[in-house]
């Protein structure tokens, strides 16, 4: 950020991200689609815009998710001038219950399955 002031440059970030629609028209799949977006897009953008990770990530990942100090959050918020977004696909997301004995991981934590096939219920 110091270079932004000194060199008058712009600082941006480019993300690759899918969009998520609910696999079925029910509350659990609508929430799953939101969580999928939180874990893919919000993971990067929420710290840059809000100074913290998405609430769903904080809840589901718990103490394995680093916390930002007040100073770090302040430095992160608004620390970019532009966003580039590569969007290649829209997929369907549904709720995936936590399986007994499953290990915490990037794939398991969101409690989401994704598919490119629409499920009519």
PDB file of N, CA and C in Angstrom:
ATOM      1  N   UNK A   1       0.819  -1.183   0.000  1.00  0.00           N
ATOM      2  CA  UNK A   1       0.000   0.000   0.000  1.00  0.00           C
ATOM      3  C   UNK A   1       0.866   1.251   0.000  1.00  0.00           C
ATOM      4  N   UNK A   2       2.050   1.130   0.555  1.00  0.00           N
ATOM      5  CA  UNK A   2       2.975   2.258   0.543  1.00  0.00           C
ATOM      6  C   UNK A   2       3.305   2.647  -0.898  1.00  0.00           C
ATOM      7  N   UNK A   3       3.490   1.641  -1.756  1.00  0.00           N
ATOM      8  CA  UNK A   3       3.828   1.923  -3.149  1.00  0.00           C
ATOM      9  C   UNK A   3       2.672   2.609  -3.875  1.00  0.00           C
ATOM     10  N   UNK A   4       1.448   2.346  -3.447  1.00  0.00           N
ATOM     11  CA  UNK A   4       0.310   3.028  -4.061  1.00  0.00           C
ATOM     12  C   UNK A   4       0.444   4.531  -3.874  1.00  0.00           C
ATOM     13  N   UNK A   5       0.835   4.946  -2.690  1.00  0.00           N
ATOM     14  CA  UNK A   5       0.968   6.373  -2.401  1.00  0.00           C
ATOM     15  C   UNK A   5       2.184   6.966  -3.098  1.00  0.00           C
ATOM     16  N   UNK A   6       3.301   6.249  -3.051  1.00  0.00           N
ATOM     17  CA  UNK A   6       4.552   6.766  -3.604  1.00  0.00           C
ATOM     18  C   UNK A   6       4.530   6.770  -5.128  1.00  0.00           C
ATOM     19  N   UNK A   7       4.135   5.648  -5.716  1.00  0.00           N
ATOM     20  CA  UNK A   7       4.202   5.513  -7.170  1.00  0.00           C
ATOM     21  C   UNK A   7       2.895   5.861  -7.881  1.00  0.00           C
ATOM     22  N   UNK A   8       1.848   6.145  -7.121  1.00  0.00           N
ATOM     23  CA  UNK A   8       0.541   6.470  -7.698  1.00  0.00           C
ATOM     24  C   UNK A   8      -0.001   5.336  -8.565  1.00  0.00           C
ATOM     25  N   UNK A   9       0.389   4.114  -8.226  1.00  0.00           N
ATOM     26  CA  UNK A   9      -0.075   2.953  -8.979  1.00  0.00           C
ATOM     27  C   UNK A   9      -1.397   2.428  -8.459  1.00  0.00           C
ATOM     28  N   UNK A  10      -1.954   1.511  -9.207  1.00  0.00           N
ATOM     29  CA  UNK A  10      -3.190   0.854  -8.814  1.00  0.00           C
ATOM     30  C   UNK A  10      -2.876  -0.584  -8.429  1.00  0.00           C
ATOM     31  N   UNK A  11      -3.573  -1.071  -7.441  1.00  0.00           N
ATOM     32  CA  UNK A  11      -3.376  -2.427  -6.960  1.00  0.00           C
ATOM     33  C   UNK A  11      -4.678  -3.191  -7.142  1.00  0.00           C
ATOM     34  N   UNK A  12      -4.590  -4.318  -7.827  1.00  0.00           N
ATOM     35  CA  UNK A  12      -5.792  -5.108  -8.058  1.00  0.00           C
ATOM     36  C   UNK A  12      -5.558  -6.573  -7.789  1.00  0.00           C
ATOM     37  N   UNK A  13      -6.634  -7.306  -7.791  1.00  0.00           N
ATOM     38  CA  UNK A  13      -6.595  -8.746  -7.617  1.00  0.00           C
ATOM     39  C   UNK A  13      -7.510  -9.342  -8.673  1.00  0.00           C
ATOM     40  N   UNK A  14      -7.104 -10.482  -9.220  1.00  0.00           N
ATOM     41  CA  UNK A  14      -7.932 -11.202 -10.173  1.00  0.00           C
ATOM     42  C   UNK A  14      -8.226 -12.577  -9.600  1.00  0.00           C
ATOM     43  N   UNK A  15      -9.491 -12.930  -9.577  1.00  0.00           N
ATOM     44  CA  UNK A  15      -9.920 -14.214  -9.040  1.00  0.00           C
ATOM     45  C   UNK A  15     -10.613 -15.028 -10.120  1.00  0.00           C
ATOM     46  N   UNK A  16     -10.445 -16.339 -10.051  1.00  0.00           N
ATOM     47  CA  UNK A  16     -11.215 -17.275 -10.870  1.00  0.00           C
ATOM     48  C   UNK A  16     -12.346 -17.777  -9.987  1.00  0.00           C
ATOM     49  N   UNK A  17     -13.560 -17.695 -10.457  1.00  0.00           N
ATOM     50  CA  UNK A  17     -14.662 -18.106  -9.600  1.00  0.00           C
ATOM     51  C   UNK A  17     -15.841 -18.613 -10.407  1.00  0.00           C
ATOM     52  N   UNK A  18     -16.407 -19.721  -9.948  1.00  0.00           N
ATOM     53  CA  UNK A  18     -17.670 -20.199 -10.490  1.00  0.00           C
ATOM     54  C   UNK A  18     -18.798 -19.473  -9.768  1.00  0.00           C
ATOM     55  N   UNK A  19     -19.971 -19.514 -10.355  1.00  0.00           N
ATOM     56  CA  UNK A  19     -21.169 -19.029  -9.673  1.00  0.00           C
ATOM     57  C   UNK A  19     -21.960 -20.253  -9.244  1.00  0.00           C
ATOM     58  N   UNK A  20     -22.691 -20.142  -8.161  1.00  0.00           N
ATOM     59  CA  UNK A  20     -23.404 -21.288  -7.605  1.00  0.00           C
ATOM     60  C   UNK A  20     -24.894 -20.991  -7.499  1.00  0.00           C
ATOM     61  N   UNK A  21     -25.687 -21.882  -8.057  1.00  0.00           N
ATOM     62  CA  UNK A  21     -27.142 -21.826  -7.943  1.00  0.00           C
ATOM     63  C   UNK A  21     -27.596 -23.017  -7.107  1.00  0.00           C
ATOM     64  N   UNK A  22     -28.703 -22.895  -6.393  1.00  0.00           N
ATOM     65  CA  UNK A  22     -29.191 -24.029  -5.602  1.00  0.00           C
ATOM     66  C   UNK A  22     -29.547 -25.217  -6.503  1.00  0.00           C
ATOM     67  N   UNK A  23     -29.143 -26.410  -6.094  1.00  0.00           N
ATOM     68  CA  UNK A  23     -29.455 -27.617  -6.868  1.00  0.00           C
ATOM     69  C   UNK A  23     -30.951 -27.886  -6.873  1.00  0.00           C
ATOM     70  N   UNK A  24     -31.616 -27.554  -5.797  1.00  0.00           N
ATOM     71  CA  UNK A  24     -33.067 -27.705  -5.673  1.00  0.00           C
ATOM     72  C   UNK A  24     -33.618 -26.450  -5.011  1.00  0.00           C
ATOM     73  N   UNK A  25     -34.901 -26.219  -5.204  1.00  0.00           N
ATOM     74  CA  UNK A  25     -35.517 -25.022  -4.638  1.00  0.00           C
ATOM     75  C   UNK A  25     -35.979 -25.287  -3.202  1.00  0.00           C
ATOM     76  N   UNK A  26     -35.000 -25.400  -2.312  1.00  0.00           N
ATOM     77  CA  UNK A  26     -35.311 -25.541  -0.889  1.00  0.00           C
ATOM     78  C   UNK A  26     -34.281 -24.741  -0.096  1.00  0.00           C
ATOM     79  N   UNK A  27     -34.588 -24.482   1.143  1.00  0.00           N
ATOM     80  CA  UNK A  27     -33.744 -23.605   1.962  1.00  0.00           C
ATOM     81  C   UNK A  27     -32.344 -24.184   2.156  1.00  0.00           C
ATOM     82  N   UNK A  28     -32.230 -25.503   2.325  1.00  0.00           N
ATOM     83  CA  UNK A  28     -30.900 -26.073   2.582  1.00  0.00           C
ATOM     84  C   UNK A  28     -29.987 -25.930   1.369  1.00  0.00           C
ATOM     85  N   UNK A  29     -30.541 -26.097   0.167  1.00  0.00           N
ATOM     86  CA  UNK A  29     -29.706 -25.931  -1.027  1.00  0.00           C
ATOM     87  C   UNK A  29     -29.430 -24.461  -1.322  1.00  0.00           C
ATOM     88  N   UNK A  30     -30.373 -23.578  -0.993  1.00  0.00           N
ATOM     89  CA  UNK A  30     -30.096 -22.139  -1.152  1.00  0.00           C
ATOM     90  C   UNK A  30     -28.968 -21.721  -0.208  1.00  0.00           C
ATOM     91  N   UNK A  31     -28.995 -22.214   1.012  1.00  0.00           N
ATOM     92  CA  UNK A  31     -27.914 -21.908   1.956  1.00  0.00           C
ATOM     93  C   UNK A  31     -26.600 -22.540   1.499  1.00  0.00           C
ATOM     94  N   UNK A  32     -26.667 -23.740   0.924  1.00  0.00           N
ATOM     95  CA  UNK A  32     -25.463 -24.405   0.421  1.00  0.00           C
ATOM     96  C   UNK A  32     -24.830 -23.602  -0.718  1.00  0.00           C
ATOM     97  N   UNK A  33     -25.655 -23.070  -1.615  1.00  0.00           N
ATOM     98  CA  UNK A  33     -25.130 -22.249  -2.714  1.00  0.00           C
ATOM     99  C   UNK A  33     -24.433 -21.013  -2.155  1.00  0.00           C
ATOM    100  N   UNK A  34     -24.992 -20.427  -1.126  1.00  0.00           N
ATOM    101  CA  UNK A  34     -24.373 -19.255  -0.488  1.00  0.00           C
ATOM    102  C   UNK A  34     -23.042 -19.641   0.167  1.00  0.00           C
ATOM    103  N   UNK A  35     -23.024 -20.792   0.854  1.00  0.00           N
ATOM    104  CA  UNK A  35     -21.779 -21.250   1.487  1.00  0.00           C
ATOM    105  C   UNK A  35     -20.709 -21.534   0.436  1.00  0.00           C
ATOM    106  N   UNK A  36     -21.117 -22.141  -0.676  1.00  0.00           N
ATOM    107  CA  UNK A  36     -20.154 -22.421  -1.745  1.00  0.00           C
ATOM    108  C   UNK A  36     -19.519 -21.123  -2.231  1.00  0.00           C
ATOM    109  N   UNK A  37     -20.335 -20.102  -2.407  1.00  0.00           N
ATOM    110  CA  UNK A  37     -19.814 -18.799  -2.823  1.00  0.00           C
ATOM    111  C   UNK A  37     -18.916 -18.203  -1.737  1.00  0.00           C
ATOM    112  N   UNK A  38     -19.311 -18.346  -0.483  1.00  0.00           N
ATOM    113  CA  UNK A  38     -18.480 -17.855   0.625  1.00  0.00           C
ATOM    114  C   UNK A  38     -17.110 -18.522   0.631  1.00  0.00           C
ATOM    115  N   UNK A  39     -17.086 -19.844   0.439  1.00  0.00           N
ATOM    116  CA  UNK A  39     -15.832 -20.583   0.519  1.00  0.00           C
ATOM    117  C   UNK A  39     -14.966 -20.397  -0.720  1.00  0.00           C
ATOM    118  N   UNK A  40     -15.528 -19.994  -1.841  1.00  0.00           N
ATOM    119  CA  UNK A  40     -14.738 -19.785  -3.050  1.00  0.00           C
ATOM    120  C   UNK A  40     -14.388 -18.319  -3.279  1.00  0.00           C
ATOM    121  N   UNK A  41     -15.370 -17.441  -3.206  1.00  0.00           N
ATOM    122  CA  UNK A  41     -15.166 -16.023  -3.502  1.00  0.00           C
ATOM    123  C   UNK A  41     -14.967 -15.217  -2.220  1.00  0.00           C
ATOM    124  N   UNK A  42     -15.806 -15.462  -1.250  1.00  0.00           N
ATOM    125  CA  UNK A  42     -15.730 -14.730   0.014  1.00  0.00           C
ATOM    126  C   UNK A  42     -14.440 -14.966   0.768  1.00  0.00           C
ATOM    127  N   UNK A  43     -13.845 -16.136   0.593  1.00  0.00           N
ATOM    128  CA  UNK A  43     -12.579 -16.466   1.248  1.00  0.00           C
ATOM    129  C   UNK A  43     -11.531 -15.393   0.944  1.00  0.00           C
ATOM    130  N   UNK A  44     -11.534 -14.899  -0.273  1.00  0.00           N
ATOM    131  CA  UNK A  44     -10.580 -13.868  -0.683  1.00  0.00           C
ATOM    132  C   UNK A  44     -11.146 -12.459  -0.530  1.00  0.00           C
ATOM    133  N   UNK A  45     -12.400 -12.267  -0.949  1.00  0.00           N
ATOM    134  CA  UNK A  45     -12.945 -10.909  -1.012  1.00  0.00           C
ATOM    135  C   UNK A  45     -13.430 -10.355   0.320  1.00  0.00           C
ATOM    136  N   UNK A  46     -13.977 -11.193   1.187  1.00  0.00           N
ATOM    137  CA  UNK A  46     -14.473 -10.660   2.460  1.00  0.00           C
ATOM    138  C   UNK A  46     -13.368 -10.018   3.292  1.00  0.00           C
ATOM    139  N   UNK A  47     -12.178 -10.632   3.409  1.00  0.00           N
ATOM    140  CA  UNK A  47     -11.116  -9.932   4.144  1.00  0.00           C
ATOM    141  C   UNK A  47     -10.751  -8.585   3.507  1.00  0.00           C
ATOM    142  N   UNK A  48     -10.804  -8.515   2.172  1.00  0.00           N
ATOM    143  CA  UNK A  48     -10.439  -7.276   1.485  1.00  0.00           C
ATOM    144  C   UNK A  48     -11.525  -6.209   1.559  1.00  0.00           C
ATOM    145  N   UNK A  49     -12.762  -6.620   1.793  1.00  0.00           N
ATOM    146  CA  UNK A  49     -13.857  -5.652   1.850  1.00  0.00           C
ATOM    147  C   UNK A  49     -14.430  -5.465   3.256  1.00  0.00           C
ATOM    148  N   UNK A  50     -14.326  -6.500   4.093  1.00  0.00           N
ATOM    149  CA  UNK A  50     -14.913  -6.442   5.432  1.00  0.00           C
ATOM    150  C   UNK A  50     -13.896  -6.605   6.559  1.00  0.00           C
ATOM    151  N   UNK A  51     -12.681  -7.058   6.208  1.00  0.00           N
ATOM    152  CA  UNK A  51     -11.656  -7.254   7.229  1.00  0.00           C
ATOM    153  C   UNK A  51     -11.769  -8.565   7.979  1.00  0.00           C
ATOM    154  N   UNK A  52     -12.620  -9.464   7.495  1.00  0.00           N
ATOM    155  CA  UNK A  52     -12.755 -10.775   8.135  1.00  0.00           C
ATOM    156  C   UNK A  52     -13.291 -11.779   7.124  1.00  0.00           C
ATOM    157  N   UNK A  53     -13.144 -13.053   7.465  1.00  0.00           N
ATOM    158  CA  UNK A  53     -13.653 -14.113   6.601  1.00  0.00           C
ATOM    159  C   UNK A  53     -15.178 -14.183   6.699  1.00  0.00           C
ATOM    160  N   UNK A  54     -15.827 -14.796   5.708  1.00  0.00           N
ATOM    161  CA  UNK A  54     -17.284 -14.932   5.771  1.00  0.00           C
ATOM    162  C   UNK A  54     -17.725 -15.632   7.064  1.00  0.00           C
ATOM    163  N   UNK A  55     -18.867 -15.230   7.561  1.00  0.00           N
ATOM    164  CA  UNK A  55     -19.392 -15.800   8.802  1.00  0.00           C
ATOM    165  C   UNK A  55     -19.546 -17.309   8.697  1.00  0.00           C
ATOM    166  N   UNK A  56     -20.001 -17.797   7.546  1.00  0.00           N
ATOM    167  CA  UNK A  56     -20.175 -19.247   7.390  1.00  0.00           C
ATOM    168  C   UNK A  56     -18.842 -19.976   7.518  1.00  0.00           C
ATOM    169  N   UNK A  57     -17.771 -19.390   6.991  1.00  0.00           N
ATOM    170  CA  UNK A  57     -16.448 -20.006   7.135  1.00  0.00           C
ATOM    171  C   UNK A  57     -16.009 -19.985   8.593  1.00  0.00           C
ATOM    172  N   UNK A  58     -16.216 -18.864   9.257  1.00  0.00           N
ATOM    173  CA  UNK A  58     -15.829 -18.772  10.662  1.00  0.00           C
ATOM    174  C   UNK A  58     -16.553 -19.837  11.482  1.00  0.00           C
ATOM    175  N   UNK A  59     -17.825 -20.027  11.199  1.00  0.00           N
ATOM    176  CA  UNK A  59     -18.630 -20.990  11.946  1.00  0.00           C
ATOM    177  C   UNK A  59     -18.196 -22.432  11.652  1.00  0.00           C
ATOM    178  N   UNK A  60     -18.035 -22.768  10.368  1.00  0.00           N
ATOM    179  CA  UNK A  60     -17.758 -24.152   9.989  1.00  0.00           C
ATOM    180  C   UNK A  60     -16.300 -24.559  10.158  1.00  0.00           C
ATOM    181  N   UNK A  61     -15.379 -23.638   9.987  1.00  0.00           N
ATOM    182  CA  UNK A  61     -13.954 -23.970  10.099  1.00  0.00           C
ATOM    183  C   UNK A  61     -13.463 -23.785  11.532  1.00  0.00           C
ATOM    184  N   UNK A  62     -14.102 -22.892  12.256  1.00  0.00           N
ATOM    185  CA  UNK A  62     -13.769 -22.712  13.671  1.00  0.00           C
ATOM    186  C   UNK A  62     -12.360 -22.198  13.893  1.00  0.00           C
ATOM    187  N   UNK A  63     -11.689 -22.764  14.888  1.00  0.00           N
ATOM    188  CA  UNK A  63     -10.363 -22.260  15.266  1.00  0.00           C
ATOM    189  C   UNK A  63      -9.265 -22.643  14.278  1.00  0.00           C
ATOM    190  N   UNK A  64      -9.577 -23.420  13.254  1.00  0.00           N
ATOM    191  CA  UNK A  64      -8.577 -23.707  12.214  1.00  0.00           C
ATOM    192  C   UNK A  64      -8.434 -22.534  11.247  1.00  0.00           C
ATOM    193  N   UNK A  65      -9.386 -21.616  11.276  1.00  0.00           N
ATOM    194  CA  UNK A  65      -9.349 -20.439  10.404  1.00  0.00           C
ATOM    195  C   UNK A  65      -8.643 -19.311  11.138  1.00  0.00           C
ATOM    196  N   UNK A  66      -7.562 -18.782  10.568  1.00  0.00           N
ATOM    197  CA  UNK A  66      -6.860 -17.682  11.243  1.00  0.00           C
ATOM    198  C   UNK A  66      -7.780 -16.476  11.435  1.00  0.00           C
ATOM    199  N   UNK A  67      -7.550 -15.749  12.476  1.00  0.00           N
ATOM    200  CA  UNK A  67      -8.301 -14.516  12.748  1.00  0.00           C
ATOM    201  C   UNK A  67      -7.375 -13.336  12.490  1.00  0.00           C
ATOM    202  N   UNK A  68      -7.939 -12.266  11.962  1.00  0.00           N
ATOM    203  CA  UNK A  68      -7.164 -11.057  11.736  1.00  0.00           C
ATOM    204  C   UNK A  68      -7.234 -10.183  12.978  1.00  0.00           C
ATOM    205  N   UNK A  69      -6.095  -9.595  13.327  1.00  0.00           N
ATOM    206  CA  UNK A  69      -6.108  -8.611  14.410  1.00  0.00           C
ATOM    207  C   UNK A  69      -6.856  -7.378  13.907  1.00  0.00           C
ATOM    208  N   UNK A  70      -7.204  -6.475  14.803  1.00  0.00           N
ATOM    209  CA  UNK A  70      -7.885  -5.242  14.393  1.00  0.00           C
ATOM    210  C   UNK A  70      -7.022  -4.462  13.415  1.00  0.00           C
ATOM    211  N   UNK A  71      -5.726  -4.430  13.666  1.00  0.00           N
ATOM    212  CA  UNK A  71      -4.812  -3.707  12.778  1.00  0.00           C
ATOM    213  C   UNK A  71      -4.743  -4.375  11.403  1.00  0.00           C
ATOM    214  N   UNK A  72      -4.653  -5.710  11.379  1.00  0.00           N
ATOM    215  CA  UNK A  72      -4.625  -6.426  10.098  1.00  0.00           C
ATOM    216  C   UNK A  72      -5.921  -6.205   9.321  1.00  0.00           C
ATOM    217  N   UNK A  73      -7.051  -6.281  10.021  1.00  0.00           N
ATOM    218  CA  UNK A  73      -8.345  -6.062   9.365  1.00  0.00           C
ATOM    219  C   UNK A  73      -8.411  -4.662   8.767  1.00  0.00           C
ATOM    220  N   UNK A  74      -7.925  -3.689   9.505  1.00  0.00           N
ATOM    221  CA  UNK A  74      -7.920  -2.305   9.027  1.00  0.00           C
ATOM    222  C   UNK A  74      -7.047  -2.161   7.780  1.00  0.00           C
ATOM    223  N   UNK A  75      -5.885  -2.831   7.777  1.00  0.00           N
ATOM    224  CA  UNK A  75      -4.988  -2.769   6.617  1.00  0.00           C
ATOM    225  C   UNK A  75      -5.596  -3.462   5.401  1.00  0.00           C
ATOM    226  N   UNK A  76      -6.305  -4.548   5.628  1.00  0.00           N
ATOM    227  CA  UNK A  76      -6.891  -5.306   4.525  1.00  0.00           C
ATOM    228  C   UNK A  76      -8.074  -4.600   3.873  1.00  0.00           C
ATOM    229  N   UNK A  77      -8.952  -4.042   4.689  1.00  0.00           N
ATOM    230  CA  UNK A  77     -10.183  -3.438   4.166  1.00  0.00           C
ATOM    231  C   UNK A  77      -9.869  -2.333   3.158  1.00  0.00           C
ATOM    232  N   UNK A  78     -10.378  -2.520   1.953  1.00  0.00           N
ATOM    233  CA  UNK A  78     -10.208  -1.500   0.925  1.00  0.00           C
ATOM    234  C   UNK A  78      -8.800  -1.389   0.371  1.00  0.00           C
ATOM    235  N   UNK A  79      -7.996  -2.452   0.518  1.00  0.00           N
ATOM    236  CA  UNK A  79      -6.593  -2.378   0.098  1.00  0.00           C
ATOM    237  C   UNK A  79      -6.389  -2.663  -1.388  1.00  0.00           C
ATOM    238  N   UNK A  80      -7.437  -2.616  -2.172  1.00  0.00           N
ATOM    239  CA  UNK A  80      -7.310  -2.835  -3.610  1.00  0.00           C
ATOM    240  C   UNK A  80      -8.074  -1.743  -4.353  1.00  0.00           C
ATOM    241  N   UNK A  81      -7.639  -1.498  -5.582  1.00  0.00           N
ATOM    242  CA  UNK A  81      -8.279  -0.467  -6.403  1.00  0.00           C
ATOM    243  C   UNK A  81      -9.253  -1.046  -7.420  1.00  0.00           C
ATOM    244  N   UNK A  82      -9.012  -2.290  -7.827  1.00  0.00           N
ATOM    245  CA  UNK A  82      -9.904  -2.907  -8.805  1.00  0.00           C
ATOM    246  C   UNK A  82      -9.900  -4.415  -8.621  1.00  0.00           C
ATOM    247  N   UNK A  83     -10.943  -5.034  -9.146  1.00  0.00           N
ATOM    248  CA  UNK A  83     -11.100  -6.482  -9.101  1.00  0.00           C
ATOM    249  C   UNK A  83     -11.249  -6.999 -10.516  1.00  0.00           C
ATOM    250  N   UNK A  84     -10.459  -7.995 -10.849  1.00  0.00           N
ATOM    251  CA  UNK A  84     -10.648  -8.731 -12.096  1.00  0.00           C
ATOM    252  C   UNK A  84     -11.308 -10.054 -11.741  1.00  0.00           C
ATOM    253  N   UNK A  85     -12.296 -10.459 -12.507  1.00  0.00           N
ATOM    254  CA  UNK A  85     -12.999 -11.701 -12.201  1.00  0.00           C
ATOM    255  C   UNK A  85     -13.101 -12.561 -13.448  1.00  0.00           C
ATOM    256  N   UNK A  86     -12.521 -13.744 -13.385  1.00  0.00           N
ATOM    257  CA  UNK A  86     -12.665 -14.732 -14.447  1.00  0.00           C
ATOM    258  C   UNK A  86     -13.798 -15.669 -14.049  1.00  0.00           C
ATOM    259  N   UNK A  87     -14.835 -15.719 -14.854  1.00  0.00           N
ATOM    260  CA  UNK A  87     -15.979 -16.593 -14.584  1.00  0.00           C
ATOM    261  C   UNK A  87     -16.086 -17.576 -15.729  1.00  0.00           C
ATOM    262  N   UNK A  88     -15.945 -18.852 -15.416  1.00  0.00           N
ATOM    263  CA  UNK A  88     -15.965 -19.869 -16.458  1.00  0.00           C
ATOM    264  C   UNK A  88     -17.221 -20.729 -16.450  1.00  0.00           C
ATOM    265  N   UNK A  89     -17.845 -20.895 -15.292  1.00  0.00           N
ATOM    266  CA  UNK A  89     -18.991 -21.806 -15.231  1.00  0.00           C
ATOM    267  C   UNK A  89     -19.929 -21.427 -14.095  1.00  0.00           C
ATOM    268  N   UNK A  90     -21.168 -21.782 -14.280  1.00  0.00           N
ATOM    269  CA  UNK A  90     -22.149 -21.727 -13.210  1.00  0.00           C
ATOM    270  C   UNK A  90     -22.523 -23.168 -12.909  1.00  0.00           C
ATOM    271  N   UNK A  91     -22.475 -23.533 -11.645  1.00  0.00           N
ATOM    272  CA  UNK A  91     -22.774 -24.905 -11.243  1.00  0.00           C
ATOM    273  C   UNK A  91     -23.854 -24.893 -10.168  1.00  0.00           C
ATOM    274  N   UNK A  92     -24.423 -26.036  -9.932  1.00  0.00           N
ATOM    275  CA  UNK A  92     -25.456 -26.188  -8.917  1.00  0.00           C
ATOM    276  C   UNK A  92     -24.827 -26.703  -7.633  1.00  0.00           C
ATOM    277  N   UNK A  93     -25.305 -26.184  -6.520  1.00  0.00           N
ATOM    278  CA  UNK A  93     -24.777 -26.567  -5.211  1.00  0.00           C
ATOM    279  C   UNK A  93     -25.915 -27.051  -4.329  1.00  0.00           C
ATOM    280  N   UNK A  94     -25.637 -28.117  -3.600  1.00  0.00           N
ATOM    281  CA  UNK A  94     -26.617 -28.648  -2.666  1.00  0.00           C
ATOM    282  C   UNK A  94     -25.973 -28.927  -1.324  1.00  0.00           C
ATOM    283  N   UNK A  95     -26.805 -29.063  -0.323  1.00  0.00           N
ATOM    284  CA  UNK A  95     -26.314 -29.340   1.028  1.00  0.00           C
ATOM    285  C   UNK A  95     -25.779 -30.769   1.098  1.00  0.00           C
ATOM    286  N   UNK A  96     -24.600 -30.910   1.661  1.00  0.00           N
ATOM    287  CA  UNK A  96     -23.995 -32.220   1.899  1.00  0.00           C
ATOM    288  C   UNK A  96     -23.777 -32.356   3.399  1.00  0.00           C
ATOM    289  N   UNK A  97     -24.493 -33.247   4.063  1.00  0.00           N
ATOM    290  CA  UNK A  97     -24.318 -33.378   5.508  1.00  0.00           C
ATOM    291  C   UNK A  97     -22.906 -33.841   5.851  1.00  0.00           C
ATOM    292  N   UNK A  98     -22.463 -33.454   7.027  1.00  0.00           N
ATOM    293  CA  UNK A  98     -21.138 -33.877   7.484  1.00  0.00           C
ATOM    294  C   UNK A  98     -21.177 -35.381   7.727  1.00  0.00           C
ATOM    295  N   UNK A  99     -20.255 -36.081   7.110  1.00  0.00           N
ATOM    296  CA  UNK A  99     -20.202 -37.527   7.264  1.00  0.00           C
ATOM    297  C   UNK A  99     -19.441 -37.892   8.527  1.00  0.00           C
ATOM    298  N   UNK A 100     -19.956 -38.850   9.254  1.00  0.00           N
ATOM    299  CA  UNK A 100     -19.291 -39.307  10.472  1.00  0.00           C
ATOM    300  C   UNK A 100     -17.886 -39.794  10.112  1.00  0.00           C
ATOM    301  N   UNK A 101     -16.914 -39.316  10.844  1.00  0.00           N
ATOM    302  CA  UNK A 101     -15.532 -39.724  10.629  1.00  0.00           C
ATOM    303  C   UNK A 101     -14.813 -38.962   9.531  1.00  0.00           C
ATOM    304  N   UNK A 102     -15.501 -38.054   8.845  1.00  0.00           N
ATOM    305  CA  UNK A 102     -14.822 -37.296   7.787  1.00  0.00           C
ATOM    306  C   UNK A 102     -13.855 -36.300   8.419  1.00  0.00           C
ATOM    307  N   UNK A 103     -12.742 -36.128   7.769  1.00  0.00           N
ATOM    308  CA  UNK A 103     -11.718 -35.217   8.281  1.00  0.00           C
ATOM    309  C   UNK A 103     -11.991 -33.804   7.784  1.00  0.00           C
ATOM    310  N   UNK A 104     -11.709 -32.819   8.620  1.00  0.00           N
ATOM    311  CA  UNK A 104     -11.852 -31.430   8.170  1.00  0.00           C
ATOM    312  C   UNK A 104     -10.963 -31.171   6.957  1.00  0.00           C
ATOM    313  N   UNK A 105     -11.518 -30.520   5.964  1.00  0.00           N
ATOM    314  CA  UNK A 105     -10.749 -30.205   4.760  1.00  0.00           C
ATOM    315  C   UNK A 105     -11.488 -29.141   3.961  1.00  0.00           C
ATOM    316  N   UNK A 106     -10.801 -28.587   2.991  1.00  0.00           N
ATOM    317  CA  UNK A 106     -11.405 -27.595   2.109  1.00  0.00           C
ATOM    318  C   UNK A 106     -12.629 -28.167   1.394  1.00  0.00           C
ATOM    319  N   UNK A 107     -12.596 -29.450   1.081  1.00  0.00           N
ATOM    320  CA  UNK A 107     -13.730 -30.069   0.395  1.00  0.00           C
ATOM    321  C   UNK A 107     -14.883 -30.396   1.335  1.00  0.00           C
ATOM    322  N   UNK A 108     -14.585 -30.739   2.587  1.00  0.00           N
ATOM    323  CA  UNK A 108     -15.633 -31.136   3.533  1.00  0.00           C
ATOM    324  C   UNK A 108     -16.225 -29.979   4.327  1.00  0.00           C
ATOM    325  N   UNK A 109     -15.430 -28.986   4.647  1.00  0.00           N
ATOM    326  CA  UNK A 109     -15.873 -27.910   5.541  1.00  0.00           C
ATOM    327  C   UNK A 109     -17.130 -27.165   5.080  1.00  0.00           C
ATOM    328  N   UNK A 110     -17.296 -26.862   3.793  1.00  0.00           N
ATOM    329  CA  UNK A 110     -18.473 -26.077   3.387  1.00  0.00           C
ATOM    330  C   UNK A 110     -19.806 -26.823   3.493  1.00  0.00           C
ATOM    331  N   UNK A 111     -19.757 -28.157   3.623  1.00  0.00           N
ATOM    332  CA  UNK A 111     -20.979 -28.976   3.639  1.00  0.00           C
ATOM    333  C   UNK A 111     -21.781 -28.767   2.360  1.00  0.00           C
ATOM    334  N   UNK A 112     -21.072 -28.847   1.223  1.00  0.00           N
ATOM    335  CA  UNK A 112     -21.671 -28.576  -0.084  1.00  0.00           C
ATOM    336  C   UNK A 112     -21.213 -29.629  -1.082  1.00  0.00           C
ATOM    337  N   UNK A 113     -22.138 -30.063  -1.939  1.00  0.00           N
ATOM    338  CA  UNK A 113     -21.748 -30.818  -3.128  1.00  0.00           C
ATOM    339  C   UNK A 113     -22.080 -29.940  -4.326  1.00  0.00           C
ATOM    340  N   UNK A 114     -21.333 -30.100  -5.400  1.00  0.00           N
ATOM    341  CA  UNK A 114     -21.617 -29.326  -6.611  1.00  0.00           C
ATOM    342  C   UNK A 114     -21.787 -30.275  -7.789  1.00  0.00           C
ATOM    343  N   UNK A 115     -22.574 -29.835  -8.746  1.00  0.00           N
ATOM    344  CA  UNK A 115     -22.822 -30.620  -9.946  1.00  0.00           C
ATOM    345  C   UNK A 115     -23.150 -29.672 -11.095  1.00  0.00           C
ATOM    346  N   UNK A 116     -22.902 -30.133 -12.298  1.00  0.00           N
ATOM    347  CA  UNK A 116     -23.299 -29.336 -13.465  1.00  0.00           C
ATOM    348  C   UNK A 116     -24.671 -29.768 -13.972  1.00  0.00           C
ATOM    349  N   UNK A 117     -25.240 -30.813 -13.362  1.00  0.00           N
ATOM    350  CA  UNK A 117     -26.565 -31.310 -13.747  1.00  0.00           C
ATOM    351  C   UNK A 117     -27.621 -30.772 -12.798  1.00  0.00           C
ATOM    352  N   UNK A 118     -28.668 -30.213 -13.357  1.00  0.00           N
ATOM    353  CA  UNK A 118     -29.747 -29.678 -12.533  1.00  0.00           C
ATOM    354  C   UNK A 118     -30.608 -30.830 -12.027  1.00  0.00           C
ATOM    355  N   UNK A 119     -30.926 -30.801 -10.739  1.00  0.00           N
ATOM    356  CA  UNK A 119     -31.769 -31.838 -10.129  1.00  0.00           C
ATOM    357  C   UNK A 119     -33.181 -31.298  -9.980  1.00  0.00           C
ATOM    358  N   UNK A 120     -34.089 -31.847 -10.716  1.00  0.00           N
ATOM    359  CA  UNK A 120     -35.480 -31.438 -10.565  1.00  0.00           C
ATOM    360  C   UNK A 120     -36.092 -32.248  -9.440  1.00  0.00           C
ATOM    361  N   UNK A 121     -36.677 -31.560  -8.477  1.00  0.00           N
ATOM    362  CA  UNK A 121     -37.290 -32.299  -7.364  1.00  0.00           C
ATOM    363  C   UNK A 121     -38.794 -32.192  -7.409  1.00  0.00           C
TER     364      UNK A 121
END
